[in-house]
């Protein structure tokens, strides 16, 4: 299994339950394909560098989120295609993660590190630790 990062931007102004649902759907897709989630981070809500049109809507602000996960490389393209179906995600990118300390061009890649908890309950616990603010101005 390879280590990957999914950076995605959701619509701005979504309430906590909608964001939680988006993240849970992505995590469930990772687990359904035999992967594991290592970390989920929210990077905050901010203005986009340019206007994005997606699913017949235009956006100038968004919430940036990052999910670190393990997944077989043969399943990443399929996972990437499924993300396009999520209507609350404006943009996304899946990147293979290589730490400077992990990289040795002469060494062949070995097995991925073991993950203690691969249940989707992990996503719930991690998400609750994010402390996202409750939004009352839902702009669906």
C-alpha atoms as a PDB file:
ATOM      1  CA  UNK A   1       0.000   0.000   0.000  1.00  0.00           C
ATOM      2  CA  UNK A   2       1.151   3.483  -0.778  1.00  0.00           C
ATOM      3  CA  UNK A   3       0.790   6.610   1.328  1.00  0.00           C
ATOM      4  CA  UNK A   4      -1.353   9.304  -0.272  1.00  0.00           C
ATOM      5  CA  UNK A   5      -2.795  12.703   0.521  1.00  0.00           C
ATOM      6  CA  UNK A   6      -6.135  13.974  -0.669  1.00  0.00           C
ATOM      7  CA  UNK A   7      -6.391  17.755  -0.622  1.00  0.00           C
ATOM      8  CA  UNK A   8      -9.874  18.989  -1.423  1.00  0.00           C
ATOM      9  CA  UNK A   9     -11.904  22.177  -1.251  1.00  0.00           C
ATOM     10  CA  UNK A  10     -15.541  22.133  -0.189  1.00  0.00           C
ATOM     11  CA  UNK A  11     -18.038  24.912  -0.695  1.00  0.00           C
ATOM     12  CA  UNK A  12     -17.777  27.722   1.847  1.00  0.00           C
ATOM     13  CA  UNK A  13     -20.580  28.187   4.339  1.00  0.00           C
ATOM     14  CA  UNK A  14     -21.526  24.530   4.619  1.00  0.00           C
ATOM     15  CA  UNK A  15     -22.683  23.506   8.059  1.00  0.00           C
ATOM     16  CA  UNK A  16     -20.769  21.006  10.174  1.00  0.00           C
ATOM     17  CA  UNK A  17     -23.106  18.092   9.375  1.00  0.00           C
ATOM     18  CA  UNK A  18     -22.656  18.499   5.615  1.00  0.00           C
ATOM     19  CA  UNK A  19     -18.854  18.668   5.922  1.00  0.00           C
ATOM     20  CA  UNK A  20     -18.914  15.656   8.222  1.00  0.00           C
ATOM     21  CA  UNK A  21     -20.991  13.755   5.666  1.00  0.00           C
ATOM     22  CA  UNK A  22     -18.557  14.592   2.840  1.00  0.00           C
ATOM     23  CA  UNK A  23     -15.553  13.459   4.891  1.00  0.00           C
ATOM     24  CA  UNK A  24     -17.342  10.293   6.048  1.00  0.00           C
ATOM     25  CA  UNK A  25     -18.237   9.399   2.446  1.00  0.00           C
ATOM     26  CA  UNK A  26     -14.610   9.784   1.361  1.00  0.00           C
ATOM     27  CA  UNK A  27     -13.329   7.754   4.313  1.00  0.00           C
ATOM     28  CA  UNK A  28     -15.890   5.010   3.631  1.00  0.00           C
ATOM     29  CA  UNK A  29     -14.728   4.811   0.002  1.00  0.00           C
ATOM     30  CA  UNK A  30     -11.118   4.423   1.196  1.00  0.00           C
ATOM     31  CA  UNK A  31     -12.075   1.647   3.642  1.00  0.00           C
ATOM     32  CA  UNK A  32     -14.278  -0.113   1.056  1.00  0.00           C
ATOM     33  CA  UNK A  33     -11.247  -0.374  -1.225  1.00  0.00           C
ATOM     34  CA  UNK A  34      -9.054  -1.892   1.481  1.00  0.00           C
ATOM     35  CA  UNK A  35      -7.309   1.306   2.544  1.00  0.00           C
ATOM     36  CA  UNK A  36      -6.817   3.021   5.869  1.00  0.00           C
ATOM     37  CA  UNK A  37      -7.006   6.646   6.999  1.00  0.00           C
ATOM     38  CA  UNK A  38      -4.015   8.042   8.894  1.00  0.00           C
ATOM     39  CA  UNK A  39      -5.043  11.654   9.501  1.00  0.00           C
ATOM     40  CA  UNK A  40      -7.758  14.201   8.689  1.00  0.00           C
ATOM     41  CA  UNK A  41      -7.039  17.948   8.897  1.00  0.00           C
ATOM     42  CA  UNK A  42      -9.049  21.036   8.179  1.00  0.00           C
ATOM     43  CA  UNK A  43      -6.956  23.886   6.821  1.00  0.00           C
ATOM     44  CA  UNK A  44      -9.640  26.537   7.207  1.00  0.00           C
ATOM     45  CA  UNK A  45     -12.012  28.526   5.084  1.00  0.00           C
ATOM     46  CA  UNK A  46     -10.567  31.176   2.801  1.00  0.00           C
ATOM     47  CA  UNK A  47     -10.960  32.993  -0.482  1.00  0.00           C
ATOM     48  CA  UNK A  48     -10.098  30.948  -3.563  1.00  0.00           C
ATOM     49  CA  UNK A  49      -7.324  32.240  -5.843  1.00  0.00           C
ATOM     50  CA  UNK A  50      -9.859  32.336  -8.690  1.00  0.00           C
ATOM     51  CA  UNK A  51     -13.563  31.705  -9.188  1.00  0.00           C
ATOM     52  CA  UNK A  52     -14.409  28.002  -9.560  1.00  0.00           C
ATOM     53  CA  UNK A  53     -17.479  26.778 -11.407  1.00  0.00           C
ATOM     54  CA  UNK A  54     -18.547  23.263 -10.452  1.00  0.00           C
ATOM     55  CA  UNK A  55     -21.941  21.517 -10.657  1.00  0.00           C
ATOM     56  CA  UNK A  56     -23.637  24.615 -12.132  1.00  0.00           C
ATOM     57  CA  UNK A  57     -22.501  26.813  -9.213  1.00  0.00           C
ATOM     58  CA  UNK A  58     -19.781  29.439  -8.936  1.00  0.00           C
ATOM     59  CA  UNK A  59     -17.637  29.762  -5.820  1.00  0.00           C
ATOM     60  CA  UNK A  60     -15.150  32.381  -4.636  1.00  0.00           C
ATOM     61  CA  UNK A  61     -14.515  30.899  -1.166  1.00  0.00           C
ATOM     62  CA  UNK A  62     -13.968  27.374   0.107  1.00  0.00           C
ATOM     63  CA  UNK A  63     -12.908  25.194   3.031  1.00  0.00           C
ATOM     64  CA  UNK A  64      -9.623  23.350   2.514  1.00  0.00           C
ATOM     65  CA  UNK A  65      -9.375  19.796   3.918  1.00  0.00           C
ATOM     66  CA  UNK A  66      -6.581  17.202   3.894  1.00  0.00           C
ATOM     67  CA  UNK A  67      -6.856  13.422   4.338  1.00  0.00           C
ATOM     68  CA  UNK A  68      -3.754  11.241   4.631  1.00  0.00           C
ATOM     69  CA  UNK A  69      -4.451   7.610   3.785  1.00  0.00           C
ATOM     70  CA  UNK A  70      -3.010   4.276   2.705  1.00  0.00           C
ATOM     71  CA  UNK A  71      -4.319   2.610  -0.443  1.00  0.00           C
ATOM     72  CA  UNK A  72      -3.181   0.177  -3.101  1.00  0.00           C
ATOM     73  CA  UNK A  73      -1.872   2.130  -6.073  1.00  0.00           C
ATOM     74  CA  UNK A  74      -4.157   0.208  -8.425  1.00  0.00           C
ATOM     75  CA  UNK A  75      -7.200   1.631  -6.587  1.00  0.00           C
ATOM     76  CA  UNK A  76      -6.192   5.308  -6.558  1.00  0.00           C
ATOM     77  CA  UNK A  77      -7.485   6.132 -10.052  1.00  0.00           C
ATOM     78  CA  UNK A  78     -10.865   4.589  -9.204  1.00  0.00           C
ATOM     79  CA  UNK A  79     -10.972   6.568  -5.933  1.00  0.00           C
ATOM     80  CA  UNK A  80     -10.104   9.759  -7.825  1.00  0.00           C
ATOM     81  CA  UNK A  81     -13.020   9.229 -10.237  1.00  0.00           C
ATOM     82  CA  UNK A  82     -15.470   8.696  -7.369  1.00  0.00           C
ATOM     83  CA  UNK A  83     -14.513  12.025  -5.810  1.00  0.00           C
ATOM     84  CA  UNK A  84     -15.827  13.811  -8.925  1.00  0.00           C
ATOM     85  CA  UNK A  85     -19.330  12.610  -8.041  1.00  0.00           C
ATOM     86  CA  UNK A  86     -19.342  14.477  -4.708  1.00  0.00           C
ATOM     87  CA  UNK A  87     -21.275  17.700  -5.394  1.00  0.00           C
ATOM     88  CA  UNK A  88     -19.977  19.609  -2.352  1.00  0.00           C
ATOM     89  CA  UNK A  89     -16.323  19.280  -3.432  1.00  0.00           C
ATOM     90  CA  UNK A  90     -15.135  22.095  -5.685  1.00  0.00           C
ATOM     91  CA  UNK A  91     -11.594  20.843  -6.431  1.00  0.00           C
ATOM     92  CA  UNK A  92      -9.402  17.983  -5.294  1.00  0.00           C
ATOM     93  CA  UNK A  93      -6.028  16.421  -5.825  1.00  0.00           C
ATOM     94  CA  UNK A  94      -4.636  13.020  -4.828  1.00  0.00           C
ATOM     95  CA  UNK A  95      -0.866  12.949  -4.387  1.00  0.00           C
ATOM     96  CA  UNK A  96       1.517  10.192  -3.399  1.00  0.00           C
ATOM     97  CA  UNK A  97       3.212  11.177  -0.158  1.00  0.00           C
ATOM     98  CA  UNK A  98       6.972  10.842   0.100  1.00  0.00           C
ATOM     99  CA  UNK A  99       8.764  12.233   3.149  1.00  0.00           C
ATOM    100  CA  UNK A 100      12.327  13.411   2.672  1.00  0.00           C
ATOM    101  CA  UNK A 101      13.451  10.955   5.350  1.00  0.00           C
ATOM    102  CA  UNK A 102      11.557   8.089   3.693  1.00  0.00           C
ATOM    103  CA  UNK A 103      12.935   8.621   0.203  1.00  0.00           C
ATOM    104  CA  UNK A 104      15.921   6.640  -1.007  1.00  0.00           C
ATOM    105  CA  UNK A 105      16.055   6.282  -4.825  1.00  0.00           C
ATOM    106  CA  UNK A 106      18.224   3.138  -4.566  1.00  0.00           C
ATOM    107  CA  UNK A 107      15.866   1.281  -2.240  1.00  0.00           C
ATOM    108  CA  UNK A 108      12.788  -0.588  -3.482  1.00  0.00           C
ATOM    109  CA  UNK A 109       9.519   0.310  -1.747  1.00  0.00           C
ATOM    110  CA  UNK A 110       8.577  -1.986   1.122  1.00  0.00           C
ATOM    111  CA  UNK A 111       5.254  -2.727   2.770  1.00  0.00           C
ATOM    112  CA  UNK A 112       3.242   0.135   4.213  1.00  0.00           C
ATOM    113  CA  UNK A 113       3.385   0.716   7.958  1.00  0.00           C
ATOM    114  CA  UNK A 114       0.797  -1.092  10.064  1.00  0.00           C
ATOM    115  CA  UNK A 115      -2.298   0.827  11.098  1.00  0.00           C
ATOM    116  CA  UNK A 116      -3.835   0.066  14.480  1.00  0.00           C
ATOM    117  CA  UNK A 117      -7.461   1.001  13.795  1.00  0.00           C
ATOM    118  CA  UNK A 118      -9.040   0.497  10.370  1.00  0.00           C
ATOM    119  CA  UNK A 119     -12.666   0.909  11.407  1.00  0.00           C
ATOM    120  CA  UNK A 120     -14.696   3.824  10.101  1.00  0.00           C
ATOM    121  CA  UNK A 121     -15.174   4.819  13.768  1.00  0.00           C
ATOM    122  CA  UNK A 122     -11.664   6.258  13.482  1.00  0.00           C
ATOM    123  CA  UNK A 123     -12.951   8.855  11.031  1.00  0.00           C
ATOM    124  CA  UNK A 124     -15.665   9.887  13.496  1.00  0.00           C
ATOM    125  CA  UNK A 125     -13.165  10.309  16.344  1.00  0.00           C
ATOM    126  CA  UNK A 126     -10.683  12.238  14.188  1.00  0.00           C
ATOM    127  CA  UNK A 127     -13.408  14.446  12.743  1.00  0.00           C
ATOM    128  CA  UNK A 128     -14.743  15.305  16.210  1.00  0.00           C
ATOM    129  CA  UNK A 129     -11.249  16.489  17.179  1.00  0.00           C
ATOM    130  CA  UNK A 130     -11.213  19.012  14.298  1.00  0.00           C
ATOM    131  CA  UNK A 131     -13.482  21.418  16.222  1.00  0.00           C
ATOM    132  CA  UNK A 132     -15.146  22.844  13.135  1.00  0.00           C
ATOM    133  CA  UNK A 133     -17.380  25.821  13.962  1.00  0.00           C
ATOM    134  CA  UNK A 134     -21.127  25.388  13.657  1.00  0.00           C
ATOM    135  CA  UNK A 135     -22.458  27.441  10.739  1.00  0.00           C
ATOM    136  CA  UNK A 136     -25.932  28.924  10.961  1.00  0.00           C
ATOM    137  CA  UNK A 137     -25.750  30.642   7.583  1.00  0.00           C
ATOM    138  CA  UNK A 138     -26.086  27.503   5.468  1.00  0.00           C
ATOM    139  CA  UNK A 139     -25.605  28.489   1.817  1.00  0.00           C
ATOM    140  CA  UNK A 140     -26.476  25.238   0.049  1.00  0.00           C
END
